[in-house]
């Protein structure tokens, strides 16, 4: 039996080890959040993401296998990652995706597993996701008008997404976050409708500033609408009260409408960028560690892993990447020309 002194020594050593393992970059930002894009493929063709099928999907052998994703994720959790978000492309089109979800959820030390989806297959998978370890879900949805939704997504069926929302709420994904990319002259006239969703549903409607990501089929300069302008407009129609109880990994500002069941959020990615407190890394479908959404710098982890790199060697590559994380994006001065959002894990 351990003496009281021995027990206390082990407890202190465990605490110190956890603190030592916290990832931090050269700007003293703690990195604890990993977004994993498990595929660059999607069943929609959203006009601001990948409007054409010939935009360059990776071949199957170029994409990380599930066991490779889990290995890299586990190593990053050992280094200090606490939360993982599974993204795409569209993650729910991947064969046997629940196998990966269950594997990630089983990583020792992981505190939260979440998923972003376009919602078209969520009705089919919601219960399995809940039962196999997903804690929260975000749904990307840019219109509540059936015809407009089809136009924005290249033929998507809004009813599939609405069914997915209902099923996700039914199985317990509460609150459910709905992300709308606001585009002036395309869907900005619907923001009030998204606000009204929160009146009687436990959802969080979040309004994201349109970012100048590559592969766009529309002009960013013409369609960008700042959060400041959007807040002013909504304040004329609704009484916005600050809401501080929403759990999440990002920089969204949350508000509540008086009497509403749900909440709304604003993500000012361009006008009030949050690079000084960025806490995230991204793992691309082909196994590159993306250090910043708005810069091209990446660290190849797949090839060293497939060449036989040890866990310690892979950890050192990850640490090197974190140390070289850029101070911030350059969306205002330089538009990225490489990967689109679906291939980054945005």
C-alpha atoms as a PDB file:
ATOM      1  CA  UNK A   1       0.000   0.000   0.000  1.00  0.00           C
ATOM      2  CA  UNK A   2       1.307   3.447  -0.894  1.00  0.00           C
ATOM      3  CA  UNK A   3       2.109   5.757   1.985  1.00  0.00           C
ATOM      4  CA  UNK A   4       0.424   9.161   2.125  1.00  0.00           C
ATOM      5  CA  UNK A   5       3.754  10.716   1.048  1.00  0.00           C
ATOM      6  CA  UNK A   6       4.104   8.361  -1.928  1.00  0.00           C
ATOM      7  CA  UNK A   7       0.536   8.998  -3.046  1.00  0.00           C
ATOM      8  CA  UNK A   8       1.023  12.767  -2.842  1.00  0.00           C
ATOM      9  CA  UNK A   9       4.303  12.496  -4.762  1.00  0.00           C
ATOM     10  CA  UNK A  10       2.627  10.570  -7.575  1.00  0.00           C
ATOM     11  CA  UNK A  11      -0.257  13.048  -7.673  1.00  0.00           C
ATOM     12  CA  UNK A  12       2.083  16.055  -7.932  1.00  0.00           C
ATOM     13  CA  UNK A  13       4.211  14.329 -10.546  1.00  0.00           C
ATOM     14  CA  UNK A  14       1.078  13.581 -12.592  1.00  0.00           C
ATOM     15  CA  UNK A  15      -0.037  17.236 -12.406  1.00  0.00           C
ATOM     16  CA  UNK A  16       3.397  18.502 -13.401  1.00  0.00           C
ATOM     17  CA  UNK A  17       3.544  16.069 -16.292  1.00  0.00           C
ATOM     18  CA  UNK A  18       0.149  17.254 -17.600  1.00  0.00           C
ATOM     19  CA  UNK A  19       1.277  20.863 -17.370  1.00  0.00           C
ATOM     20  CA  UNK A  20       4.557  20.073 -19.119  1.00  0.00           C
ATOM     21  CA  UNK A  21       2.699  18.360 -21.924  1.00  0.00           C
ATOM     22  CA  UNK A  22       0.656  21.446 -22.796  1.00  0.00           C
ATOM     23  CA  UNK A  23       1.411  22.529 -26.362  1.00  0.00           C
ATOM     24  CA  UNK A  24       2.426  26.149 -26.792  1.00  0.00           C
ATOM     25  CA  UNK A  25       3.796  28.025 -29.784  1.00  0.00           C
ATOM     26  CA  UNK A  26       6.412  30.767 -29.939  1.00  0.00           C
ATOM     27  CA  UNK A  27       3.763  33.387 -29.183  1.00  0.00           C
ATOM     28  CA  UNK A  28       2.739  31.737 -25.886  1.00  0.00           C
ATOM     29  CA  UNK A  29      -0.568  30.532 -27.306  1.00  0.00           C
ATOM     30  CA  UNK A  30      -1.739  27.247 -25.803  1.00  0.00           C
ATOM     31  CA  UNK A  31      -2.629  24.800 -28.587  1.00  0.00           C
ATOM     32  CA  UNK A  32      -5.263  22.325 -27.420  1.00  0.00           C
ATOM     33  CA  UNK A  33      -7.685  21.952 -30.326  1.00  0.00           C
ATOM     34  CA  UNK A  34      -7.253  19.790 -33.447  1.00  0.00           C
ATOM     35  CA  UNK A  35      -9.529  19.764 -36.478  1.00  0.00           C
ATOM     36  CA  UNK A  36      -9.198  16.625 -38.602  1.00  0.00           C
ATOM     37  CA  UNK A  37     -10.420  16.698 -42.191  1.00  0.00           C
ATOM     38  CA  UNK A  38     -10.947  13.022 -42.949  1.00  0.00           C
ATOM     39  CA  UNK A  39     -11.841  13.551 -46.617  1.00  0.00           C
ATOM     40  CA  UNK A  40     -11.660  16.334 -49.193  1.00  0.00           C
ATOM     41  CA  UNK A  41     -14.748  14.926 -50.914  1.00  0.00           C
ATOM     42  CA  UNK A  42     -18.268  16.244 -50.438  1.00  0.00           C
ATOM     43  CA  UNK A  43     -21.724  15.426 -51.741  1.00  0.00           C
ATOM     44  CA  UNK A  44     -22.475  19.145 -52.209  1.00  0.00           C
ATOM     45  CA  UNK A  45     -20.928  21.797 -54.464  1.00  0.00           C
ATOM     46  CA  UNK A  46     -21.253  24.953 -52.395  1.00  0.00           C
ATOM     47  CA  UNK A  47     -20.459  27.973 -54.511  1.00  0.00           C
ATOM     48  CA  UNK A  48     -17.892  29.404 -52.074  1.00  0.00           C
ATOM     49  CA  UNK A  49     -16.132  26.097 -51.348  1.00  0.00           C
ATOM     50  CA  UNK A  50     -15.739  23.752 -54.315  1.00  0.00           C
ATOM     51  CA  UNK A  51     -18.322  24.652 -56.936  1.00  0.00           C
ATOM     52  CA  UNK A  52     -16.930  22.302 -59.598  1.00  0.00           C
ATOM     53  CA  UNK A  53     -16.234  18.566 -59.429  1.00  0.00           C
ATOM     54  CA  UNK A  54     -12.881  18.929 -61.180  1.00  0.00           C
ATOM     55  CA  UNK A  55     -11.245  20.894 -58.372  1.00  0.00           C
ATOM     56  CA  UNK A  56      -8.859  18.065 -57.585  1.00  0.00           C
ATOM     57  CA  UNK A  57      -9.862  15.400 -55.097  1.00  0.00           C
ATOM     58  CA  UNK A  58      -7.014  13.280 -53.799  1.00  0.00           C
ATOM     59  CA  UNK A  59      -6.598   9.653 -54.841  1.00  0.00           C
ATOM     60  CA  UNK A  60      -7.546   7.031 -52.254  1.00  0.00           C
ATOM     61  CA  UNK A  61      -3.939   6.035 -51.500  1.00  0.00           C
ATOM     62  CA  UNK A  62      -3.079   9.671 -50.767  1.00  0.00           C
ATOM     63  CA  UNK A  63      -5.657   9.910 -48.000  1.00  0.00           C
ATOM     64  CA  UNK A  64      -4.857   8.872 -44.437  1.00  0.00           C
ATOM     65  CA  UNK A  65      -6.246   5.531 -43.364  1.00  0.00           C
ATOM     66  CA  UNK A  66      -8.352   5.431 -40.226  1.00  0.00           C
ATOM     67  CA  UNK A  67      -5.605   3.778 -38.184  1.00  0.00           C
ATOM     68  CA  UNK A  68      -3.171   6.481 -39.314  1.00  0.00           C
ATOM     69  CA  UNK A  69      -5.579   9.248 -38.316  1.00  0.00           C
ATOM     70  CA  UNK A  70      -6.068   7.650 -34.906  1.00  0.00           C
ATOM     71  CA  UNK A  71      -2.333   7.217 -34.377  1.00  0.00           C
ATOM     72  CA  UNK A  72      -1.569  10.860 -35.158  1.00  0.00           C
ATOM     73  CA  UNK A  73      -4.523  12.060 -33.107  1.00  0.00           C
ATOM     74  CA  UNK A  74      -3.402   9.991 -30.119  1.00  0.00           C
ATOM     75  CA  UNK A  75       0.121  11.385 -30.347  1.00  0.00           C
ATOM     76  CA  UNK A  76      -1.213  14.924 -30.415  1.00  0.00           C
ATOM     77  CA  UNK A  77      -3.419  14.226 -27.404  1.00  0.00           C
ATOM     78  CA  UNK A  78      -0.309  12.997 -25.599  1.00  0.00           C
ATOM     79  CA  UNK A  79       1.320  16.330 -26.454  1.00  0.00           C
ATOM     80  CA  UNK A  80      -1.558  18.412 -25.109  1.00  0.00           C
ATOM     81  CA  UNK A  81      -4.501  18.389 -27.526  1.00  0.00           C
ATOM     82  CA  UNK A  82      -7.720  18.177 -25.505  1.00  0.00           C
ATOM     83  CA  UNK A  83     -10.439  18.559 -28.125  1.00  0.00           C
ATOM     84  CA  UNK A  84     -10.806  17.103 -31.608  1.00  0.00           C
ATOM     85  CA  UNK A  85     -13.289  18.079 -34.307  1.00  0.00           C
ATOM     86  CA  UNK A  86     -13.896  15.723 -37.253  1.00  0.00           C
ATOM     87  CA  UNK A  87     -14.579  17.597 -40.485  1.00  0.00           C
ATOM     88  CA  UNK A  88     -14.273  17.218 -44.253  1.00  0.00           C
ATOM     89  CA  UNK A  89     -15.251  17.733 -47.011  1.00  0.00           C
ATOM     90  CA  UNK A  90     -18.271  15.930 -45.691  1.00  0.00           C
ATOM     91  CA  UNK A  91     -17.221  13.351 -43.074  1.00  0.00           C
ATOM     92  CA  UNK A  92     -20.465  11.375 -43.111  1.00  0.00           C
ATOM     93  CA  UNK A  93     -19.948  10.245 -46.712  1.00  0.00           C
ATOM     94  CA  UNK A  94     -16.882   8.238 -45.656  1.00  0.00           C
ATOM     95  CA  UNK A  95     -17.351   4.484 -45.558  1.00  0.00           C
ATOM     96  CA  UNK A  96     -17.472   3.066 -42.028  1.00  0.00           C
ATOM     97  CA  UNK A  97     -17.003   6.528 -40.515  1.00  0.00           C
ATOM     98  CA  UNK A  98     -18.436   5.301 -37.201  1.00  0.00           C
ATOM     99  CA  UNK A  99     -15.422   2.983 -36.888  1.00  0.00           C
ATOM    100  CA  UNK A 100     -13.160   6.034 -36.911  1.00  0.00           C
ATOM    101  CA  UNK A 101     -15.421   7.960 -34.544  1.00  0.00           C
ATOM    102  CA  UNK A 102     -15.349   5.133 -32.010  1.00  0.00           C
ATOM    103  CA  UNK A 103     -11.576   4.863 -32.316  1.00  0.00           C
ATOM    104  CA  UNK A 104     -11.023   8.592 -31.769  1.00  0.00           C
ATOM    105  CA  UNK A 105     -13.449   8.689 -28.858  1.00  0.00           C
ATOM    106  CA  UNK A 106     -11.395   5.980 -27.173  1.00  0.00           C
ATOM    107  CA  UNK A 107      -8.158   7.979 -27.119  1.00  0.00           C
ATOM    108  CA  UNK A 108      -6.983   8.273 -23.533  1.00  0.00           C
ATOM    109  CA  UNK A 109      -6.837  11.882 -22.380  1.00  0.00           C
ATOM    110  CA  UNK A 110      -9.183  13.294 -25.029  1.00  0.00           C
ATOM    111  CA  UNK A 111     -11.749  15.528 -23.348  1.00  0.00           C
ATOM    112  CA  UNK A 112     -14.129  16.246 -26.213  1.00  0.00           C
ATOM    113  CA  UNK A 113     -14.923  14.873 -29.673  1.00  0.00           C
ATOM    114  CA  UNK A 114     -17.095  16.954 -31.987  1.00  0.00           C
ATOM    115  CA  UNK A 115     -18.118  16.843 -35.636  1.00  0.00           C
ATOM    116  CA  UNK A 116     -19.001  19.313 -38.388  1.00  0.00           C
ATOM    117  CA  UNK A 117     -21.345  18.150 -41.141  1.00  0.00           C
ATOM    118  CA  UNK A 118     -23.512  19.603 -43.891  1.00  0.00           C
ATOM    119  CA  UNK A 119     -26.354  17.650 -42.321  1.00  0.00           C
ATOM    120  CA  UNK A 120     -27.541  15.842 -45.427  1.00  0.00           C
ATOM    121  CA  UNK A 121     -26.842  12.421 -43.879  1.00  0.00           C
ATOM    122  CA  UNK A 122     -27.227  13.345 -40.251  1.00  0.00           C
ATOM    123  CA  UNK A 123     -30.681  11.803 -39.857  1.00  0.00           C
ATOM    124  CA  UNK A 124     -29.102   8.443 -40.694  1.00  0.00           C
ATOM    125  CA  UNK A 125     -26.065   8.809 -38.414  1.00  0.00           C
ATOM    126  CA  UNK A 126     -27.116  11.000 -35.469  1.00  0.00           C
ATOM    127  CA  UNK A 127     -27.889   8.181 -33.041  1.00  0.00           C
ATOM    128  CA  UNK A 128     -24.734   6.236 -33.938  1.00  0.00           C
ATOM    129  CA  UNK A 129     -22.622   9.345 -33.490  1.00  0.00           C
ATOM    130  CA  UNK A 130     -24.136   9.938 -30.075  1.00  0.00           C
ATOM    131  CA  UNK A 131     -23.716   6.333 -28.979  1.00  0.00           C
ATOM    132  CA  UNK A 132     -20.090   6.153 -30.132  1.00  0.00           C
ATOM    133  CA  UNK A 133     -18.674   9.183 -28.401  1.00  0.00           C
ATOM    134  CA  UNK A 134     -19.425  12.398 -30.293  1.00  0.00           C
ATOM    135  CA  UNK A 135     -20.176  15.148 -27.780  1.00  0.00           C
ATOM    136  CA  UNK A 136     -21.398  17.973 -30.016  1.00  0.00           C
ATOM    137  CA  UNK A 137     -22.319  18.606 -33.633  1.00  0.00           C
ATOM    138  CA  UNK A 138     -22.108  21.676 -35.857  1.00  0.00           C
ATOM    139  CA  UNK A 139     -24.197  21.848 -39.035  1.00  0.00           C
ATOM    140  CA  UNK A 140     -23.198  24.035 -41.975  1.00  0.00           C
ATOM    141  CA  UNK A 141     -26.389  25.540 -43.403  1.00  0.00           C
ATOM    142  CA  UNK A 142     -26.541  28.737 -45.477  1.00  0.00           C
ATOM    143  CA  UNK A 143     -30.218  28.994 -46.384  1.00  0.00           C
ATOM    144  CA  UNK A 144     -33.637  27.981 -45.102  1.00  0.00           C
ATOM    145  CA  UNK A 145     -35.178  28.536 -48.534  1.00  0.00           C
ATOM    146  CA  UNK A 146     -35.371  25.302 -50.515  1.00  0.00           C
ATOM    147  CA  UNK A 147     -34.672  26.798 -53.935  1.00  0.00           C
ATOM    148  CA  UNK A 148     -31.883  29.029 -52.692  1.00  0.00           C
ATOM    149  CA  UNK A 149     -30.323  26.182 -50.720  1.00  0.00           C
ATOM    150  CA  UNK A 150     -30.254  24.114 -53.911  1.00  0.00           C
ATOM    151  CA  UNK A 151     -28.596  27.004 -55.766  1.00  0.00           C
ATOM    152  CA  UNK A 152     -25.944  27.606 -53.109  1.00  0.00           C
ATOM    153  CA  UNK A 153     -25.119  23.901 -52.695  1.00  0.00           C
ATOM    154  CA  UNK A 154     -25.288  22.839 -56.319  1.00  0.00           C
ATOM    155  CA  UNK A 155     -28.474  20.805 -55.962  1.00  0.00           C
ATOM    156  CA  UNK A 156     -28.705  19.894 -52.287  1.00  0.00           C
ATOM    157  CA  UNK A 157     -32.010  18.981 -50.666  1.00  0.00           C
ATOM    158  CA  UNK A 158     -32.854  21.201 -47.694  1.00  0.00           C
ATOM    159  CA  UNK A 159     -35.382  18.682 -46.365  1.00  0.00           C
ATOM    160  CA  UNK A 160     -32.536  16.220 -45.726  1.00  0.00           C
ATOM    161  CA  UNK A 161     -30.777  18.769 -43.537  1.00  0.00           C
ATOM    162  CA  UNK A 162     -33.925  19.726 -41.645  1.00  0.00           C
ATOM    163  CA  UNK A 163     -34.563  16.043 -40.947  1.00  0.00           C
ATOM    164  CA  UNK A 164     -30.983  15.758 -39.695  1.00  0.00           C
ATOM    165  CA  UNK A 165     -31.467  18.716 -37.351  1.00  0.00           C
ATOM    166  CA  UNK A 166     -34.635  17.188 -35.903  1.00  0.00           C
ATOM    167  CA  UNK A 167     -32.995  13.792 -35.394  1.00  0.00           C
ATOM    168  CA  UNK A 168     -29.861  15.265 -33.832  1.00  0.00           C
ATOM    169  CA  UNK A 169     -31.963  17.186 -31.327  1.00  0.00           C
ATOM    170  CA  UNK A 170     -34.075  14.104 -30.653  1.00  0.00           C
ATOM    171  CA  UNK A 171     -31.077  11.933 -29.746  1.00  0.00           C
ATOM    172  CA  UNK A 172     -29.632  14.574 -27.440  1.00  0.00           C
ATOM    173  CA  UNK A 173     -27.263  16.854 -29.329  1.00  0.00           C
ATOM    174  CA  UNK A 174     -28.302  19.943 -27.394  1.00  0.00           C
ATOM    175  CA  UNK A 175     -27.482  22.685 -28.017  1.00  0.00           C
ATOM    176  CA  UNK A 176     -27.007  22.093 -31.719  1.00  0.00           C
ATOM    177  CA  UNK A 177     -24.894  24.663 -33.540  1.00  0.00           C
ATOM    178  CA  UNK A 178     -25.937  25.806 -37.024  1.00  0.00           C
ATOM    179  CA  UNK A 179     -23.264  27.714 -38.939  1.00  0.00           C
ATOM    180  CA  UNK A 180     -24.334  30.184 -41.631  1.00  0.00           C
ATOM    181  CA  UNK A 181     -21.770  31.866 -43.879  1.00  0.00           C
ATOM    182  CA  UNK A 182     -23.308  35.276 -44.502  1.00  0.00           C
ATOM    183  CA  UNK A 183     -22.953  36.531 -48.095  1.00  0.00           C
ATOM    184  CA  UNK A 184     -24.226  39.968 -49.065  1.00  0.00           C
ATOM    185  CA  UNK A 185     -26.828  39.822 -51.795  1.00  0.00           C
ATOM    186  CA  UNK A 186     -27.035  36.024 -51.663  1.00  0.00           C
ATOM    187  CA  UNK A 187     -28.375  34.987 -48.269  1.00  0.00           C
ATOM    188  CA  UNK A 188     -27.964  37.938 -45.893  1.00  0.00           C
ATOM    189  CA  UNK A 189     -31.708  38.584 -46.079  1.00  0.00           C
ATOM    190  CA  UNK A 190     -32.216  35.297 -44.174  1.00  0.00           C
ATOM    191  CA  UNK A 191     -30.300  36.095 -41.000  1.00  0.00           C
ATOM    192  CA  UNK A 192     -33.537  37.057 -39.237  1.00  0.00           C
ATOM    193  CA  UNK A 193     -34.980  33.649 -40.123  1.00  0.00           C
ATOM    194  CA  UNK A 194     -31.969  31.945 -38.554  1.00  0.00           C
ATOM    195  CA  UNK A 195     -32.415  34.071 -35.443  1.00  0.00           C
ATOM    196  CA  UNK A 196     -36.065  32.986 -35.238  1.00  0.00           C
ATOM    197  CA  UNK A 197     -34.950  29.334 -35.308  1.00  0.00           C
ATOM    198  CA  UNK A 198     -33.637  29.904 -31.793  1.00  0.00           C
ATOM    199  CA  UNK A 199     -36.974  31.060 -30.434  1.00  0.00           C
ATOM    200  CA  UNK A 200     -38.400  27.559 -29.993  1.00  0.00           C
ATOM    201  CA  UNK A 201     -35.497  25.197 -30.744  1.00  0.00           C
ATOM    202  CA  UNK A 202     -32.394  24.546 -28.575  1.00  0.00           C
ATOM    203  CA  UNK A 203     -30.073  25.556 -31.397  1.00  0.00           C
ATOM    204  CA  UNK A 204     -27.303  28.130 -31.699  1.00  0.00           C
ATOM    205  CA  UNK A 205     -27.473  30.011 -34.999  1.00  0.00           C
ATOM    206  CA  UNK A 206     -23.976  31.301 -35.714  1.00  0.00           C
ATOM    207  CA  UNK A 207     -23.180  33.906 -38.370  1.00  0.00           C
ATOM    208  CA  UNK A 208     -19.726  33.549 -39.912  1.00  0.00           C
ATOM    209  CA  UNK A 209     -18.003  36.246 -41.913  1.00  0.00           C
ATOM    210  CA  UNK A 210     -17.353  35.188 -45.501  1.00  0.00           C
ATOM    211  CA  UNK A 211     -13.620  34.442 -45.854  1.00  0.00           C
ATOM    212  CA  UNK A 212     -11.529  34.718 -49.037  1.00  0.00           C
ATOM    213  CA  UNK A 213     -10.693  31.022 -49.254  1.00  0.00           C
ATOM    214  CA  UNK A 214      -9.498  29.632 -52.587  1.00  0.00           C
ATOM    215  CA  UNK A 215     -11.698  27.747 -55.100  1.00  0.00           C
ATOM    216  CA  UNK A 216     -14.440  30.307 -54.692  1.00  0.00           C
ATOM    217  CA  UNK A 217     -17.081  30.636 -57.359  1.00  0.00           C
ATOM    218  CA  UNK A 218     -18.087  34.110 -56.166  1.00  0.00           C
ATOM    219  CA  UNK A 219     -16.287  37.381 -55.461  1.00  0.00           C
ATOM    220  CA  UNK A 220     -15.303  37.897 -51.839  1.00  0.00           C
ATOM    221  CA  UNK A 221     -15.024  41.661 -52.283  1.00  0.00           C
ATOM    222  CA  UNK A 222     -18.632  41.883 -53.473  1.00  0.00           C
ATOM    223  CA  UNK A 223     -20.158  39.446 -50.983  1.00  0.00           C
ATOM    224  CA  UNK A 224     -18.357  40.187 -47.716  1.00  0.00           C
ATOM    225  CA  UNK A 225     -20.526  41.552 -44.900  1.00  0.00           C
ATOM    226  CA  UNK A 226     -18.934  42.496 -41.576  1.00  0.00           C
ATOM    227  CA  UNK A 227     -20.202  41.297 -38.213  1.00  0.00           C
ATOM    228  CA  UNK A 228     -20.488  44.933 -37.082  1.00  0.00           C
ATOM    229  CA  UNK A 229     -22.978  45.732 -39.853  1.00  0.00           C
ATOM    230  CA  UNK A 230     -24.884  42.502 -39.195  1.00  0.00           C
ATOM    231  CA  UNK A 231     -25.129  43.177 -35.447  1.00  0.00           C
ATOM    232  CA  UNK A 232     -26.424  46.681 -36.078  1.00  0.00           C
ATOM    233  CA  UNK A 233     -29.088  45.328 -38.377  1.00  0.00           C
ATOM    234  CA  UNK A 234     -30.222  42.603 -36.000  1.00  0.00           C
ATOM    235  CA  UNK A 235     -30.215  45.010 -33.046  1.00  0.00           C
ATOM    236  CA  UNK A 236     -32.910  47.011 -34.796  1.00  0.00           C
ATOM    237  CA  UNK A 237     -35.169  43.942 -34.894  1.00  0.00           C
ATOM    238  CA  UNK A 238     -34.216  42.037 -31.737  1.00  0.00           C
ATOM    239  CA  UNK A 239     -33.017  42.775 -28.221  1.00  0.00           C
ATOM    240  CA  UNK A 240     -29.604  41.066 -28.005  1.00  0.00           C
ATOM    241  CA  UNK A 241     -28.435  40.024 -24.532  1.00  0.00           C
ATOM    242  CA  UNK A 242     -24.896  38.720 -23.976  1.00  0.00           C
ATOM    243  CA  UNK A 243     -24.803  34.953 -23.420  1.00  0.00           C
ATOM    244  CA  UNK A 244     -21.788  33.431 -21.678  1.00  0.00           C
ATOM    245  CA  UNK A 245     -22.935  29.865 -21.113  1.00  0.00           C
ATOM    246  CA  UNK A 246     -22.229  28.422 -24.592  1.00  0.00           C
ATOM    247  CA  UNK A 247     -19.508  25.780 -24.562  1.00  0.00           C
ATOM    248  CA  UNK A 248     -17.140  25.720 -27.509  1.00  0.00           C
ATOM    249  CA  UNK A 249     -13.568  25.776 -28.780  1.00  0.00           C
ATOM    250  CA  UNK A 250     -13.642  28.987 -30.734  1.00  0.00           C
ATOM    251  CA  UNK A 251     -13.919  32.767 -30.521  1.00  0.00           C
ATOM    252  CA  UNK A 252     -17.630  33.242 -31.229  1.00  0.00           C
ATOM    253  CA  UNK A 253     -19.511  36.002 -29.414  1.00  0.00           C
ATOM    254  CA  UNK A 254     -22.860  34.711 -28.143  1.00  0.00           C
ATOM    255  CA  UNK A 255     -26.163  36.482 -27.546  1.00  0.00           C
ATOM    256  CA  UNK A 256     -29.689  35.515 -26.616  1.00  0.00           C
ATOM    257  CA  UNK A 257     -33.045  36.898 -27.654  1.00  0.00           C
ATOM    258  CA  UNK A 258     -35.413  37.512 -24.756  1.00  0.00           C
ATOM    259  CA  UNK A 259     -37.542  34.400 -24.242  1.00  0.00           C
ATOM    260  CA  UNK A 260     -35.654  32.304 -26.807  1.00  0.00           C
ATOM    261  CA  UNK A 261     -34.824  28.657 -26.146  1.00  0.00           C
ATOM    262  CA  UNK A 262     -31.598  28.851 -28.141  1.00  0.00           C
ATOM    263  CA  UNK A 263     -28.925  31.479 -28.807  1.00  0.00           C
ATOM    264  CA  UNK A 264     -27.115  33.235 -31.644  1.00  0.00           C
ATOM    265  CA  UNK A 265     -23.419  33.728 -32.248  1.00  0.00           C
ATOM    266  CA  UNK A 266     -21.120  35.862 -34.378  1.00  0.00           C
ATOM    267  CA  UNK A 267     -17.734  34.766 -35.718  1.00  0.00           C
ATOM    268  CA  UNK A 268     -15.867  37.868 -37.021  1.00  0.00           C
ATOM    269  CA  UNK A 269     -13.043  35.965 -38.722  1.00  0.00           C
ATOM    270  CA  UNK A 270     -11.971  38.939 -40.849  1.00  0.00           C
ATOM    271  CA  UNK A 271     -13.101  42.164 -39.174  1.00  0.00           C
ATOM    272  CA  UNK A 272     -12.035  41.198 -35.641  1.00  0.00           C
ATOM    273  CA  UNK A 273      -9.683  38.314 -36.225  1.00  0.00           C
ATOM    274  CA  UNK A 274      -8.705  36.248 -33.194  1.00  0.00           C
ATOM    275  CA  UNK A 275      -5.230  35.146 -34.235  1.00  0.00           C
ATOM    276  CA  UNK A 276      -3.719  36.354 -30.951  1.00  0.00           C
ATOM    277  CA  UNK A 277      -5.637  33.621 -29.112  1.00  0.00           C
ATOM    278  CA  UNK A 278      -5.717  30.917 -31.777  1.00  0.00           C
ATOM    279  CA  UNK A 279      -5.606  27.499 -30.114  1.00  0.00           C
ATOM    280  CA  UNK A 280      -5.905  25.168 -33.091  1.00  0.00           C
ATOM    281  CA  UNK A 281      -4.116  22.944 -35.542  1.00  0.00           C
ATOM    282  CA  UNK A 282      -5.545  21.164 -38.568  1.00  0.00           C
ATOM    283  CA  UNK A 283      -4.769  17.723 -39.958  1.00  0.00           C
ATOM    284  CA  UNK A 284      -5.512  17.533 -43.677  1.00  0.00           C
ATOM    285  CA  UNK A 285      -6.928  14.418 -45.385  1.00  0.00           C
ATOM    286  CA  UNK A 286      -3.530  13.636 -46.905  1.00  0.00           C
ATOM    287  CA  UNK A 287      -1.723  13.829 -43.579  1.00  0.00           C
ATOM    288  CA  UNK A 288      -0.306  17.333 -43.443  1.00  0.00           C
ATOM    289  CA  UNK A 289      -0.335  19.387 -40.260  1.00  0.00           C
ATOM    290  CA  UNK A 290      -1.806  22.755 -41.241  1.00  0.00           C
ATOM    291  CA  UNK A 291      -0.657  25.446 -38.846  1.00  0.00           C
ATOM    292  CA  UNK A 292      -2.955  28.287 -39.928  1.00  0.00           C
ATOM    293  CA  UNK A 293      -6.123  28.343 -42.021  1.00  0.00           C
ATOM    294  CA  UNK A 294      -5.033  31.482 -43.865  1.00  0.00           C
ATOM    295  CA  UNK A 295      -1.411  30.543 -44.608  1.00  0.00           C
ATOM    296  CA  UNK A 296       0.096  27.824 -46.773  1.00  0.00           C
ATOM    297  CA  UNK A 297       2.611  26.438 -44.273  1.00  0.00           C
ATOM    298  CA  UNK A 298       2.158  22.690 -43.600  1.00  0.00           C
ATOM    299  CA  UNK A 299       4.186  19.843 -42.087  1.00  0.00           C
ATOM    300  CA  UNK A 300       4.008  16.459 -43.827  1.00  0.00           C
ATOM    301  CA  UNK A 301       3.312  13.744 -41.256  1.00  0.00           C
ATOM    302  CA  UNK A 302       1.997  11.045 -43.587  1.00  0.00           C
ATOM    303  CA  UNK A 303       5.178  10.287 -45.498  1.00  0.00           C
ATOM    304  CA  UNK A 304       7.432  10.024 -42.441  1.00  0.00           C
ATOM    305  CA  UNK A 305       4.807   7.832 -40.776  1.00  0.00           C
ATOM    306  CA  UNK A 306       4.573   5.542 -43.798  1.00  0.00           C
ATOM    307  CA  UNK A 307       8.369   5.471 -43.992  1.00  0.00           C
ATOM    308  CA  UNK A 308       8.490   4.011 -40.495  1.00  0.00           C
ATOM    309  CA  UNK A 309       8.932   7.020 -38.217  1.00  0.00           C
ATOM    310  CA  UNK A 310       8.584   6.202 -34.531  1.00  0.00           C
ATOM    311  CA  UNK A 311       6.028   7.859 -32.265  1.00  0.00           C
ATOM    312  CA  UNK A 312       8.783  10.026 -30.768  1.00  0.00           C
ATOM    313  CA  UNK A 313       9.956  11.125 -34.204  1.00  0.00           C
ATOM    314  CA  UNK A 314       6.426  12.043 -35.219  1.00  0.00           C
ATOM    315  CA  UNK A 315       5.946  13.964 -31.974  1.00  0.00           C
ATOM    316  CA  UNK A 316       9.077  15.967 -32.701  1.00  0.00           C
ATOM    317  CA  UNK A 317       7.747  16.867 -36.155  1.00  0.00           C
ATOM    318  CA  UNK A 318       4.484  18.012 -34.551  1.00  0.00           C
ATOM    319  CA  UNK A 319       6.365  20.085 -31.982  1.00  0.00           C
ATOM    320  CA  UNK A 320       8.474  21.667 -34.716  1.00  0.00           C
ATOM    321  CA  UNK A 321       5.307  22.595 -36.535  1.00  0.00           C
ATOM    322  CA  UNK A 322       3.739  24.144 -33.444  1.00  0.00           C
ATOM    323  CA  UNK A 323       6.875  26.194 -32.823  1.00  0.00           C
ATOM    324  CA  UNK A 324       6.575  27.551 -36.380  1.00  0.00           C
ATOM    325  CA  UNK A 325       2.877  28.394 -36.173  1.00  0.00           C
ATOM    326  CA  UNK A 326       2.413  31.819 -37.856  1.00  0.00           C
ATOM    327  CA  UNK A 327       1.426  34.818 -35.788  1.00  0.00           C
ATOM    328  CA  UNK A 328      -1.759  35.178 -37.835  1.00  0.00           C
ATOM    329  CA  UNK A 329      -3.576  34.876 -41.156  1.00  0.00           C
ATOM    330  CA  UNK A 330      -3.085  37.294 -44.050  1.00  0.00           C
ATOM    331  CA  UNK A 331      -6.581  37.323 -45.537  1.00  0.00           C
ATOM    332  CA  UNK A 332      -6.660  41.119 -45.713  1.00  0.00           C
ATOM    333  CA  UNK A 333      -3.405  41.405 -47.658  1.00  0.00           C
ATOM    334  CA  UNK A 334      -2.942  38.072 -49.424  1.00  0.00           C
ATOM    335  CA  UNK A 335      -5.502  35.576 -50.693  1.00  0.00           C
ATOM    336  CA  UNK A 336      -4.481  31.909 -50.317  1.00  0.00           C
ATOM    337  CA  UNK A 337      -4.092  30.143 -53.644  1.00  0.00           C
ATOM    338  CA  UNK A 338      -3.596  26.548 -52.566  1.00  0.00           C
ATOM    339  CA  UNK A 339      -6.019  24.218 -50.802  1.00  0.00           C
ATOM    340  CA  UNK A 340      -9.697  24.976 -50.453  1.00  0.00           C
ATOM    341  CA  UNK A 341     -11.484  24.842 -47.121  1.00  0.00           C
ATOM    342  CA  UNK A 342     -12.739  21.284 -47.688  1.00  0.00           C
ATOM    343  CA  UNK A 343      -9.167  19.993 -47.907  1.00  0.00           C
ATOM    344  CA  UNK A 344      -7.914  21.862 -44.826  1.00  0.00           C
ATOM    345  CA  UNK A 345     -10.454  20.989 -42.162  1.00  0.00           C
ATOM    346  CA  UNK A 346     -11.818  24.497 -41.848  1.00  0.00           C
END
